[in-house]
Amino acid sequence: MNQFNDLYPFIDRAVKDRKYALNTANGHKAALKLFEKELNAEEKGSLGSIEENIDPIYQNACRNNSNISSESLDTYRVRFLKVIKDYKKYGADPTRMKDWKPRIWASKPLSEKKDFSDKNEDTSLSTLSDTINSPVHKVELTLRPGKRFIVSVPNDITKNEAEILTNLINSLVVNKNEQADPNNK
């Protein structure tokens, strides 16, 4: 058979047999619906014809779906071709479905995931530019949780320029009394 209309029942069967997760199946069906509008009668009757003509089909889909980003359209194209490939390999012969071992993505345990919060950082300099010969030094300083100071300074900063920066930083300091009552100046 190998017709386009065989792909929808194949996806449903793959979900039932736990070969596709439900969200994966929904993504594949969305791709089928998007490209189905672009197929002619010959292509709907032959998956091989779809594969041969995928470039013009994809171009038509891009032209007719200008409201969808090119990255998303490319993702739909990949999904569309994946369904066809899986169908040809496992769906055309239902006895092969039982031998299908889908790739399983395992998530890392939370204990192995990197903590991106500032709570573990101390108040020391956390980064400087990697190379001594770099024209600038990037300095990041964690002042308190959630509050960081980041500055890039030339490696040949003069004393006069450093004083200007010091004065600028001093002008930013907020006294606790001023912070409590912003109208009191």
N, C-alpha and C. Protein backbone atom coordinates (compact mmCIF):
# COMPACT_ATOMS: atom_id res chain seq x y z
N MET A 1 0.83 -1.18 0.00
CA MET A 1 0.00 0.00 0.00
C MET A 1 0.88 1.25 0.00
N ASN A 2 1.53 1.55 1.08
CA ASN A 2 2.43 2.69 1.17
C ASN A 2 1.81 3.99 0.66
N GLN A 3 0.63 4.30 1.15
CA GLN A 3 -0.04 5.54 0.79
C GLN A 3 0.02 6.51 1.96
N PHE A 4 -0.13 7.78 1.64
CA PHE A 4 -0.08 8.80 2.68
C PHE A 4 -1.09 8.53 3.78
N ASN A 5 -2.29 8.14 3.43
CA ASN A 5 -3.35 7.92 4.42
C ASN A 5 -3.04 6.77 5.37
N ASP A 6 -2.06 5.94 5.05
CA ASP A 6 -1.66 4.86 5.95
C ASP A 6 -0.84 5.38 7.13
N LEU A 7 -0.34 6.61 7.04
CA LEU A 7 0.55 7.14 8.08
C LEU A 7 -0.18 7.45 9.38
N TYR A 8 -1.40 7.97 9.30
CA TYR A 8 -2.15 8.30 10.52
C TYR A 8 -2.43 7.06 11.37
N PRO A 9 -2.97 5.97 10.78
CA PRO A 9 -3.18 4.77 11.60
C PRO A 9 -1.86 4.18 12.13
N PHE A 10 -0.79 4.33 11.34
CA PHE A 10 0.51 3.84 11.78
C PHE A 10 0.94 4.58 13.05
N ILE A 11 0.78 5.89 13.08
CA ILE A 11 1.15 6.66 14.27
C ILE A 11 0.32 6.23 15.47
N ASP A 12 -0.99 6.03 15.27
CA ASP A 12 -1.85 5.59 16.37
C ASP A 12 -1.42 4.21 16.89
N ARG A 13 -1.07 3.32 15.97
CA ARG A 13 -0.60 1.99 16.37
C ARG A 13 0.73 2.08 17.11
N ALA A 14 1.60 2.99 16.67
CA ALA A 14 2.90 3.15 17.32
C ALA A 14 2.73 3.68 18.75
N VAL A 15 1.76 4.55 18.96
CA VAL A 15 1.48 5.03 20.32
C VAL A 15 0.94 3.88 21.17
N LYS A 16 0.00 3.12 20.61
CA LYS A 16 -0.61 2.00 21.34
C LYS A 16 0.46 0.98 21.74
N ASP A 17 1.43 0.74 20.85
CA ASP A 17 2.49 -0.23 21.13
C ASP A 17 3.69 0.38 21.85
N ARG A 18 3.54 1.63 22.27
CA ARG A 18 4.57 2.36 23.03
C ARG A 18 5.88 2.54 22.24
N LYS A 19 5.72 2.77 20.96
CA LYS A 19 6.89 3.05 20.12
C LYS A 19 7.09 4.56 19.97
N TYR A 20 5.98 5.31 20.05
CA TYR A 20 6.01 6.77 20.07
C TYR A 20 5.35 7.23 21.37
N ALA A 21 5.92 8.24 21.99
CA ALA A 21 5.24 8.89 23.09
C ALA A 21 4.09 9.70 22.51
N LEU A 22 3.09 10.00 23.31
CA LEU A 22 1.92 10.72 22.81
C LEU A 22 2.30 12.09 22.26
N ASN A 23 3.18 12.82 22.94
CA ASN A 23 3.56 14.14 22.44
C ASN A 23 4.34 14.03 21.13
N THR A 24 5.14 13.00 20.98
CA THR A 24 5.85 12.76 19.72
C THR A 24 4.85 12.48 18.61
N ALA A 25 3.87 11.65 18.90
CA ALA A 25 2.84 11.32 17.91
C ALA A 25 2.07 12.57 17.50
N ASN A 26 1.75 13.41 18.46
CA ASN A 26 1.03 14.65 18.13
C ASN A 26 1.87 15.55 17.23
N GLY A 27 3.17 15.63 17.48
CA GLY A 27 4.06 16.41 16.62
C GLY A 27 4.14 15.84 15.22
N HIS A 28 4.17 14.51 15.12
CA HIS A 28 4.20 13.87 13.80
C HIS A 28 2.89 14.10 13.05
N LYS A 29 1.77 14.02 13.75
CA LYS A 29 0.48 14.26 13.09
C LYS A 29 0.36 15.71 12.62
N ALA A 30 0.88 16.63 13.41
CA ALA A 30 0.85 18.04 12.99
C ALA A 30 1.66 18.23 11.72
N ALA A 31 2.80 17.55 11.63
CA ALA A 31 3.62 17.63 10.42
C ALA A 31 2.87 17.04 9.23
N LEU A 32 2.19 15.91 9.44
CA LEU A 32 1.43 15.30 8.35
C LEU A 32 0.34 16.25 7.85
N LYS A 33 -0.37 16.88 8.78
CA LYS A 33 -1.45 17.80 8.38
C LYS A 33 -0.90 18.99 7.60
N LEU A 34 0.25 19.49 8.02
CA LEU A 34 0.84 20.64 7.34
C LEU A 34 1.22 20.29 5.91
N PHE A 35 1.86 19.14 5.72
CA PHE A 35 2.33 18.76 4.39
C PHE A 35 1.25 18.13 3.52
N GLU A 36 0.21 17.59 4.14
CA GLU A 36 -0.86 16.95 3.37
C GLU A 36 -1.48 17.93 2.39
N LYS A 37 -1.60 19.19 2.78
CA LYS A 37 -2.20 20.22 1.92
C LYS A 37 -1.38 20.46 0.66
N GLU A 38 -0.11 20.12 0.70
CA GLU A 38 0.79 20.41 -0.42
C GLU A 38 0.92 19.24 -1.39
N LEU A 39 0.36 18.09 -1.05
CA LEU A 39 0.53 16.89 -1.86
C LEU A 39 -0.48 16.82 -2.99
N ASN A 40 -0.03 16.34 -4.15
CA ASN A 40 -0.95 16.08 -5.25
C ASN A 40 -1.43 14.63 -5.15
N ALA A 41 -2.30 14.23 -6.02
CA ALA A 41 -2.90 12.88 -5.97
C ALA A 41 -1.85 11.79 -6.09
N GLU A 42 -0.89 11.98 -6.98
CA GLU A 42 0.16 10.97 -7.16
C GLU A 42 0.97 10.80 -5.88
N GLU A 43 1.32 11.92 -5.25
CA GLU A 43 2.12 11.86 -4.02
C GLU A 43 1.34 11.23 -2.88
N LYS A 44 0.04 11.51 -2.80
CA LYS A 44 -0.78 10.90 -1.76
C LYS A 44 -0.88 9.39 -1.94
N GLY A 45 -0.70 8.92 -3.17
CA GLY A 45 -0.79 7.49 -3.45
C GLY A 45 0.51 6.74 -3.30
N SER A 46 1.63 7.46 -3.11
CA SER A 46 2.93 6.79 -3.05
C SER A 46 3.89 7.55 -2.14
N LEU A 47 4.33 6.88 -1.09
CA LEU A 47 5.30 7.51 -0.18
C LEU A 47 6.64 7.73 -0.87
N GLY A 48 6.98 6.85 -1.80
CA GLY A 48 8.22 7.03 -2.56
C GLY A 48 8.19 8.31 -3.38
N SER A 49 7.02 8.63 -3.92
CA SER A 49 6.86 9.87 -4.69
C SER A 49 7.03 11.09 -3.78
N ILE A 50 6.54 10.99 -2.56
CA ILE A 50 6.72 12.09 -1.60
C ILE A 50 8.20 12.30 -1.33
N GLU A 51 8.92 11.22 -1.09
CA GLU A 51 10.36 11.34 -0.79
C GLU A 51 11.13 11.92 -1.97
N GLU A 52 10.74 11.53 -3.18
CA GLU A 52 11.41 12.05 -4.37
C GLU A 52 11.15 13.55 -4.56
N ASN A 53 9.97 13.99 -4.18
CA ASN A 53 9.56 15.38 -4.42
C ASN A 53 9.58 16.24 -3.15
N ILE A 54 10.29 15.80 -2.13
CA ILE A 54 10.22 16.51 -0.85
C ILE A 54 10.68 17.96 -0.96
N ASP A 55 11.66 18.26 -1.79
CA ASP A 55 12.12 19.65 -1.90
C ASP A 55 11.04 20.59 -2.42
N PRO A 56 10.39 20.29 -3.56
CA PRO A 56 9.31 21.19 -3.99
C PRO A 56 8.11 21.20 -3.04
N ILE A 57 7.83 20.07 -2.42
CA ILE A 57 6.74 20.02 -1.44
C ILE A 57 7.06 20.95 -0.28
N TYR A 58 8.29 20.87 0.21
CA TYR A 58 8.73 21.72 1.32
C TYR A 58 8.69 23.20 0.93
N GLN A 59 9.13 23.52 -0.28
CA GLN A 59 9.10 24.91 -0.74
C GLN A 59 7.67 25.44 -0.80
N ASN A 60 6.74 24.63 -1.28
CA ASN A 60 5.34 25.04 -1.29
C ASN A 60 4.81 25.25 0.13
N ALA A 61 5.20 24.36 1.03
CA ALA A 61 4.76 24.51 2.42
C ALA A 61 5.30 25.80 3.02
N CYS A 62 6.54 26.13 2.71
CA CYS A 62 7.13 27.38 3.20
C CYS A 62 6.39 28.58 2.64
N ARG A 63 6.09 28.54 1.36
CA ARG A 63 5.40 29.65 0.69
C ARG A 63 3.99 29.83 1.24
N ASN A 64 3.31 28.73 1.51
CA ASN A 64 1.90 28.80 1.93
C ASN A 64 1.72 28.94 3.44
N ASN A 65 2.82 28.88 4.20
CA ASN A 65 2.74 29.01 5.66
C ASN A 65 3.74 30.06 6.14
N SER A 66 3.62 31.25 5.59
CA SER A 66 4.57 32.31 5.94
C SER A 66 4.44 32.75 7.39
N ASN A 67 3.36 32.38 8.06
CA ASN A 67 3.19 32.72 9.47
C ASN A 67 3.98 31.78 10.40
N ILE A 68 4.58 30.74 9.85
CA ILE A 68 5.37 29.78 10.64
C ILE A 68 6.84 30.03 10.35
N SER A 69 7.67 30.06 11.39
CA SER A 69 9.10 30.33 11.20
C SER A 69 9.76 29.24 10.37
N SER A 70 10.86 29.60 9.73
CA SER A 70 11.58 28.63 8.90
C SER A 70 12.13 27.48 9.74
N GLU A 71 12.52 27.77 10.98
CA GLU A 71 13.03 26.71 11.86
C GLU A 71 11.92 25.70 12.17
N SER A 72 10.72 26.21 12.43
CA SER A 72 9.60 25.32 12.72
C SER A 72 9.22 24.50 11.49
N LEU A 73 9.22 25.14 10.34
CA LEU A 73 8.89 24.41 9.11
C LEU A 73 9.91 23.30 8.85
N ASP A 74 11.17 23.59 9.13
CA ASP A 74 12.19 22.55 8.94
C ASP A 74 11.98 21.41 9.94
N THR A 75 11.59 21.74 11.16
CA THR A 75 11.29 20.69 12.15
C THR A 75 10.13 19.83 11.67
N TYR A 76 9.09 20.46 11.13
CA TYR A 76 7.97 19.70 10.58
C TYR A 76 8.43 18.79 9.44
N ARG A 77 9.31 19.28 8.59
CA ARG A 77 9.82 18.48 7.47
C ARG A 77 10.55 17.24 8.00
N VAL A 78 11.40 17.44 9.01
CA VAL A 78 12.15 16.31 9.59
C VAL A 78 11.18 15.29 10.18
N ARG A 79 10.17 15.77 10.90
CA ARG A 79 9.18 14.86 11.49
C ARG A 79 8.41 14.10 10.41
N PHE A 80 8.03 14.82 9.37
CA PHE A 80 7.29 14.23 8.26
C PHE A 80 8.09 13.08 7.64
N LEU A 81 9.36 13.34 7.36
CA LEU A 81 10.21 12.30 6.76
C LEU A 81 10.48 11.16 7.74
N LYS A 82 10.55 11.47 9.03
CA LYS A 82 10.78 10.42 10.04
C LYS A 82 9.60 9.46 10.08
N VAL A 83 8.38 9.99 10.02
CA VAL A 83 7.20 9.12 10.01
C VAL A 83 7.22 8.21 8.79
N ILE A 84 7.55 8.77 7.63
CA ILE A 84 7.61 7.96 6.41
C ILE A 84 8.67 6.87 6.56
N LYS A 85 9.83 7.23 7.06
CA LYS A 85 10.91 6.25 7.24
C LYS A 85 10.49 5.16 8.21
N ASP A 86 9.92 5.55 9.35
CA ASP A 86 9.48 4.55 10.33
C ASP A 86 8.38 3.66 9.76
N TYR A 87 7.46 4.26 9.00
CA TYR A 87 6.39 3.47 8.40
C TYR A 87 6.95 2.45 7.43
N LYS A 88 7.86 2.87 6.58
CA LYS A 88 8.43 1.95 5.60
C LYS A 88 9.18 0.81 6.30
N LYS A 89 9.83 1.13 7.41
CA LYS A 89 10.64 0.12 8.09
C LYS A 89 9.78 -0.81 8.97
N TYR A 90 8.78 -0.23 9.67
CA TYR A 90 8.03 -1.02 10.64
C TYR A 90 6.53 -1.13 10.35
N GLY A 91 5.95 -0.16 9.68
CA GLY A 91 4.50 -0.13 9.51
C GLY A 91 4.00 -0.91 8.33
N ALA A 92 4.79 -0.99 7.28
CA ALA A 92 4.35 -1.70 6.08
C ALA A 92 4.18 -3.18 6.37
N ASP A 93 5.01 -3.72 7.26
CA ASP A 93 4.92 -5.12 7.66
C ASP A 93 4.67 -5.15 9.17
N PRO A 94 3.42 -5.34 9.60
CA PRO A 94 3.09 -5.28 11.02
C PRO A 94 3.89 -6.23 11.91
N THR A 95 4.41 -7.32 11.34
CA THR A 95 5.20 -8.25 12.16
C THR A 95 6.53 -7.62 12.58
N ARG A 96 6.98 -6.61 11.83
CA ARG A 96 8.25 -5.95 12.19
C ARG A 96 8.07 -4.97 13.34
N MET A 97 6.83 -4.56 13.60
CA MET A 97 6.56 -3.61 14.67
C MET A 97 7.06 -4.13 16.01
N LYS A 98 6.92 -5.44 16.24
CA LYS A 98 7.34 -6.00 17.53
C LYS A 98 8.86 -5.96 17.71
N ASP A 99 9.61 -5.89 16.63
CA ASP A 99 11.07 -5.82 16.71
C ASP A 99 11.60 -4.39 16.82
N TRP A 100 10.70 -3.43 16.76
CA TRP A 100 11.09 -2.01 16.80
C TRP A 100 11.48 -1.64 18.21
N LYS A 101 12.70 -1.21 18.39
CA LYS A 101 13.21 -0.76 19.68
C LYS A 101 13.48 0.74 19.58
N PRO A 102 12.48 1.57 19.96
CA PRO A 102 12.68 3.01 19.83
C PRO A 102 13.75 3.51 20.81
N ARG A 103 14.39 4.58 20.42
CA ARG A 103 15.41 5.18 21.27
C ARG A 103 14.73 5.84 22.46
N ILE A 104 15.24 5.56 23.63
CA ILE A 104 14.66 6.11 24.86
C ILE A 104 15.62 7.16 25.40
N TRP A 105 15.07 8.35 25.63
CA TRP A 105 15.85 9.45 26.17
C TRP A 105 15.68 9.45 27.68
N ALA A 106 16.78 9.23 28.38
CA ALA A 106 16.73 9.23 29.84
C ALA A 106 17.21 10.57 30.36
N SER A 107 16.47 11.09 31.29
CA SER A 107 16.83 12.36 31.91
C SER A 107 17.82 12.10 33.04
N LYS A 108 18.71 13.06 33.27
CA LYS A 108 19.64 12.94 34.39
C LYS A 108 18.88 13.13 35.69
N PRO A 109 19.29 12.41 36.74
CA PRO A 109 18.67 12.66 38.04
C PRO A 109 18.96 14.10 38.48
N LEU A 110 18.07 14.65 39.28
CA LEU A 110 18.25 16.03 39.73
C LEU A 110 19.58 16.24 40.43
N SER A 111 20.08 15.22 41.10
CA SER A 111 21.35 15.36 41.82
C SER A 111 22.52 15.59 40.88
N GLU A 112 22.38 15.20 39.60
CA GLU A 112 23.47 15.37 38.64
C GLU A 112 23.35 16.63 37.81
N LYS A 113 22.21 17.33 37.91
CA LYS A 113 22.01 18.53 37.12
C LYS A 113 22.74 19.70 37.75
N LYS A 114 23.24 20.58 36.89
CA LYS A 114 24.00 21.73 37.36
C LYS A 114 23.07 22.74 38.01
N ASP A 115 23.52 23.30 39.11
CA ASP A 115 22.76 24.32 39.82
C ASP A 115 23.20 25.68 39.29
N PHE A 116 22.27 26.41 38.67
CA PHE A 116 22.60 27.70 38.09
C PHE A 116 22.28 28.87 39.02
N SER A 117 21.87 28.59 40.23
CA SER A 117 21.53 29.69 41.13
C SER A 117 22.78 30.32 41.71
N ASP A 118 22.62 31.54 42.21
CA ASP A 118 23.74 32.29 42.78
C ASP A 118 24.01 31.91 44.23
N LYS A 119 23.16 31.09 44.85
CA LYS A 119 23.27 30.84 46.28
C LYS A 119 24.57 30.15 46.68
N ASN A 120 25.19 29.42 45.76
CA ASN A 120 26.42 28.70 46.11
C ASN A 120 27.68 29.51 45.83
N GLU A 121 27.54 30.70 45.27
CA GLU A 121 28.72 31.49 44.95
C GLU A 121 29.11 32.32 46.16
N ASP A 122 30.40 32.49 46.36
CA ASP A 122 30.86 33.36 47.42
C ASP A 122 31.04 34.76 46.85
N THR A 123 31.54 35.69 47.67
CA THR A 123 31.66 37.07 47.22
C THR A 123 33.01 37.34 46.58
N SER A 124 33.74 36.29 46.25
CA SER A 124 35.00 36.49 45.56
C SER A 124 34.76 36.70 44.07
N LEU A 125 35.80 37.09 43.35
CA LEU A 125 35.66 37.26 41.91
C LEU A 125 35.36 35.90 41.30
N SER A 126 34.30 35.82 40.54
CA SER A 126 33.94 34.52 39.98
C SER A 126 34.57 34.27 38.62
N THR A 127 34.81 35.31 37.85
CA THR A 127 35.49 35.09 36.58
C THR A 127 36.33 36.30 36.22
N LEU A 128 37.40 36.01 35.57
CA LEU A 128 38.24 37.02 34.93
C LEU A 128 38.41 36.56 33.50
N SER A 129 38.86 37.43 32.64
CA SER A 129 39.06 36.98 31.26
C SER A 129 40.05 35.84 31.25
N ASP A 130 39.88 34.94 30.31
CA ASP A 130 40.67 33.72 30.28
C ASP A 130 42.13 33.95 29.92
N THR A 131 42.39 34.96 29.17
CA THR A 131 43.77 35.14 28.73
C THR A 131 44.35 36.42 29.29
N ILE A 132 45.59 36.34 29.68
CA ILE A 132 46.28 37.51 30.22
C ILE A 132 46.46 38.56 29.14
N ASN A 133 46.66 38.15 27.91
CA ASN A 133 46.92 39.07 26.82
C ASN A 133 45.65 39.65 26.21
N SER A 134 44.51 39.34 26.77
CA SER A 134 43.25 39.86 26.24
C SER A 134 43.22 41.38 26.40
N PRO A 135 42.62 42.11 25.45
CA PRO A 135 42.57 43.57 25.56
C PRO A 135 41.66 44.06 26.69
N VAL A 136 40.75 43.19 27.16
CA VAL A 136 39.89 43.58 28.28
C VAL A 136 39.84 42.45 29.30
N HIS A 137 39.55 42.84 30.53
CA HIS A 137 39.31 41.87 31.59
C HIS A 137 37.84 41.95 31.94
N LYS A 138 37.19 40.82 31.94
CA LYS A 138 35.79 40.78 32.36
C LYS A 138 35.78 40.31 33.80
N VAL A 139 35.14 41.10 34.65
CA VAL A 139 35.09 40.78 36.07
C VAL A 139 33.63 40.62 36.47
N GLU A 140 33.32 39.49 37.12
CA GLU A 140 32.00 39.26 37.66
C GLU A 140 32.14 39.05 39.15
N LEU A 141 31.32 39.75 39.91
CA LEU A 141 31.40 39.68 41.36
C LEU A 141 29.98 39.47 41.89
N THR A 142 29.76 38.43 42.68
CA THR A 142 28.47 38.22 43.31
C THR A 142 28.46 39.03 44.59
N LEU A 143 27.58 40.02 44.65
CA LEU A 143 27.50 40.89 45.81
C LEU A 143 26.69 40.24 46.93
N ARG A 144 25.57 39.66 46.55
CA ARG A 144 24.70 38.90 47.46
C ARG A 144 23.82 38.04 46.56
N PRO A 145 23.11 37.07 47.11
CA PRO A 145 22.30 36.19 46.25
C PRO A 145 21.41 36.99 45.30
N GLY A 146 21.56 36.69 44.01
CA GLY A 146 20.75 37.33 42.99
C GLY A 146 21.25 38.69 42.54
N LYS A 147 22.30 39.22 43.15
CA LYS A 147 22.83 40.55 42.81
C LYS A 147 24.28 40.40 42.39
N ARG A 148 24.55 40.70 41.11
CA ARG A 148 25.91 40.53 40.59
C ARG A 148 26.39 41.84 39.97
N PHE A 149 27.67 42.03 40.04
CA PHE A 149 28.34 43.17 39.43
C PHE A 149 29.21 42.61 38.31
N ILE A 150 29.00 43.11 37.09
CA ILE A 150 29.76 42.63 35.94
C ILE A 150 30.34 43.84 35.23
N VAL A 151 31.64 43.80 34.95
CA VAL A 151 32.28 44.92 34.27
C VAL A 151 33.39 44.39 33.37
N SER A 152 33.57 45.04 32.26
CA SER A 152 34.71 44.76 31.38
C SER A 152 35.58 46.00 31.36
N VAL A 153 36.83 45.84 31.70
CA VAL A 153 37.75 46.98 31.73
C VAL A 153 38.96 46.67 30.86
N PRO A 154 39.52 47.68 30.22
CA PRO A 154 40.73 47.44 29.42
C PRO A 154 41.88 47.02 30.33
N ASN A 155 42.73 46.14 29.81
CA ASN A 155 43.83 45.67 30.65
C ASN A 155 44.89 46.74 30.88
N ASP A 156 44.80 47.87 30.17
CA ASP A 156 45.76 48.96 30.37
C ASP A 156 45.07 50.18 30.98
N ILE A 157 44.11 49.93 31.89
CA ILE A 157 43.37 51.03 32.52
C ILE A 157 44.33 51.93 33.30
N THR A 158 44.10 53.22 33.19
CA THR A 158 44.98 54.17 33.89
C THR A 158 44.41 54.47 35.27
N LYS A 159 45.24 55.06 36.12
CA LYS A 159 44.81 55.41 37.48
C LYS A 159 43.67 56.42 37.41
N ASN A 160 43.75 57.39 36.50
CA ASN A 160 42.70 58.39 36.34
C ASN A 160 41.38 57.73 35.94
N GLU A 161 41.41 56.75 35.01
CA GLU A 161 40.20 56.05 34.59
C GLU A 161 39.63 55.22 35.75
N ALA A 162 40.49 54.61 36.55
CA ALA A 162 40.04 53.84 37.70
C ALA A 162 39.36 54.74 38.72
N GLU A 163 39.86 55.95 38.91
CA GLU A 163 39.24 56.90 39.83
C GLU A 163 37.86 57.31 39.32
N ILE A 164 37.73 57.50 38.02
CA ILE A 164 36.43 57.84 37.44
C ILE A 164 35.43 56.71 37.72
N LEU A 165 35.86 55.49 37.51
CA LEU A 165 34.98 54.35 37.77
C LEU A 165 34.62 54.25 39.25
N THR A 166 35.58 54.48 40.11
CA THR A 166 35.34 54.45 41.55
C THR A 166 34.30 55.50 41.93
N ASN A 167 34.45 56.71 41.40
CA ASN A 167 33.48 57.76 41.69
C ASN A 167 32.09 57.40 41.16
N LEU A 168 32.05 56.80 40.00
CA LEU A 168 30.78 56.38 39.43
C LEU A 168 30.10 55.35 40.32
N ILE A 169 30.84 54.38 40.77
CA ILE A 169 30.28 53.34 41.64
C ILE A 169 29.84 53.94 42.96
N ASN A 170 30.66 54.83 43.51
CA ASN A 170 30.28 55.50 44.78
C ASN A 170 28.99 56.29 44.62
N SER A 171 28.75 56.86 43.44
CA SER A 171 27.52 57.63 43.23
C SER A 171 26.29 56.73 43.18
N LEU A 172 26.48 55.47 42.95
CA LEU A 172 25.37 54.52 42.87
C LEU A 172 24.96 53.96 44.23
N VAL A 173 25.77 54.19 45.24
CA VAL A 173 25.50 53.63 46.56
C VAL A 173 24.24 54.27 47.13
N VAL A 174 23.36 53.44 47.66
CA VAL A 174 22.12 53.90 48.26
C VAL A 174 22.23 53.70 49.76
N ASN A 175 22.06 54.79 50.50
CA ASN A 175 22.03 54.67 51.97
C ASN A 175 20.74 54.00 52.38
N LYS A 176 20.77 53.27 53.47
CA LYS A 176 19.58 52.57 53.92
C LYS A 176 18.45 53.55 54.23
N ASN A 177 18.77 54.74 54.75
CA ASN A 177 17.72 55.74 55.05
C ASN A 177 17.07 56.22 53.75
N GLU A 178 17.88 56.46 52.71
CA GLU A 178 17.34 56.90 51.43
C GLU A 178 16.51 55.80 50.78
N GLN A 179 16.94 54.56 50.99
CA GLN A 179 16.24 53.44 50.39
C GLN A 179 14.85 53.28 51.03
N ALA A 180 14.77 53.51 52.34
CA ALA A 180 13.50 53.37 53.04
C ALA A 180 12.52 54.48 52.64
N ASP A 181 13.03 55.72 52.45
CA ASP A 181 12.17 56.84 52.09
C ASP A 181 12.74 57.54 50.87
N PRO A 182 12.32 57.17 49.67
CA PRO A 182 12.89 57.72 48.46
C PRO A 182 12.62 59.22 48.29
N ASN A 183 11.61 59.78 48.98
CA ASN A 183 11.31 61.21 48.89
C ASN A 183 12.23 62.06 49.74
N ASN A 184 12.95 61.45 50.66
CA ASN A 184 13.84 62.18 51.55
C ASN A 184 15.18 62.36 50.87
N LYS A 185 15.46 63.55 50.34
CA LYS A 185 16.70 63.79 49.63
C LYS A 185 17.50 64.86 50.26
